[in-house]
Amino acid sequence: MVYGTITNPKLNDINDMVRREVITFAPLVVLTILFGLWPSLVTDFTGPAVEALVEHIATIAPAMQ
């Protein structure tokens, strides 16, 4: 980020994001907003695996003490 006047002449050639960067960044922004508004899209999918993992750890945790 550059605030104020540019004193280094090398910084004059800095551009905003190019098309390739926008194409890469846009899906990440959309998915972040989507999963932020509807987290159940992720949690419904990952929930059973997480529950199985928690049960597995709960069964082996007493043996580790």
Protein backbone atom coordinates (compact mmCIF):
# COMPACT_ATOMS: atom_id res chain seq x y z
CA MET A 1 0.00 0.00 0.00
CA VAL A 2 1.17 3.46 -0.74
CA TYR A 3 -0.15 6.37 1.25
CA GLY A 4 0.48 9.96 0.25
CA THR A 5 2.73 10.99 -2.57
CA ILE A 6 5.02 8.45 -4.18
CA THR A 7 8.64 9.37 -3.54
CA ASN A 8 10.23 6.28 -5.08
CA PRO A 9 9.99 6.45 -8.90
CA LYS A 10 10.01 2.62 -9.13
CA LEU A 11 6.57 2.58 -7.48
CA ASN A 12 4.98 4.61 -10.30
CA ASP A 13 4.62 1.45 -12.41
CA ILE A 14 2.58 -0.47 -9.82
CA ASN A 15 -0.83 -1.39 -11.20
CA ASP A 16 -3.99 -2.72 -9.65
CA MET A 17 -4.80 -6.40 -9.90
CA VAL A 18 -4.58 -7.88 -13.37
CA ARG A 19 -7.25 -10.12 -14.89
CA ARG A 20 -5.49 -13.34 -13.87
CA GLU A 21 -5.38 -12.23 -10.23
CA VAL A 22 -9.06 -11.27 -10.28
CA ILE A 23 -10.00 -14.64 -11.80
CA THR A 24 -8.03 -16.40 -9.06
CA PHE A 25 -9.28 -14.21 -6.22
CA ALA A 26 -12.99 -13.92 -7.15
CA PRO A 27 -14.01 -17.54 -6.40
CA LEU A 28 -12.29 -17.34 -3.02
CA VAL A 29 -14.25 -14.20 -2.16
CA VAL A 30 -17.53 -15.72 -3.33
CA LEU A 31 -16.97 -18.94 -1.37
CA THR A 32 -15.95 -17.03 1.76
CA ILE A 33 -19.14 -14.97 1.65
CA LEU A 34 -21.28 -18.01 0.77
CA PHE A 35 -19.89 -20.16 3.59
CA GLY A 36 -20.08 -17.21 5.96
CA LEU A 37 -23.78 -16.73 5.26
CA TRP A 38 -24.64 -20.45 5.04
CA PRO A 39 -22.07 -22.42 7.06
CA SER A 40 -24.32 -25.47 6.97
CA LEU A 41 -23.15 -26.02 3.38
CA VAL A 42 -19.80 -27.03 4.85
CA THR A 43 -20.76 -28.35 8.27
CA ASP A 44 -23.43 -30.72 6.93
CA PHE A 45 -20.85 -32.24 4.62
CA THR A 46 -18.00 -32.49 7.15
CA GLY A 47 -20.07 -33.16 10.28
CA PRO A 48 -20.20 -36.97 10.12
CA ALA A 49 -16.46 -37.24 9.57
CA VAL A 50 -15.73 -34.89 12.45
CA GLU A 51 -18.08 -36.79 14.76
CA ALA A 52 -16.40 -40.08 13.86
CA LEU A 53 -12.99 -38.58 14.52
CA VAL A 54 -14.07 -37.20 17.90
CA GLU A 55 -15.51 -40.59 18.89
CA HIS A 56 -12.31 -42.33 17.84
CA ILE A 57 -10.15 -39.93 19.84
CA ALA A 58 -12.46 -40.24 22.84
CA THR A 59 -12.04 -44.02 22.83
CA ILE A 60 -8.24 -43.96 22.62
CA ALA A 61 -7.65 -40.95 24.90
CA PRO A 62 -7.99 -42.93 28.19
CA ALA A 63 -5.40 -45.43 26.94
CA MET A 64 -2.92 -42.61 26.33
CA GLN A 65 -2.90 -41.45 29.96
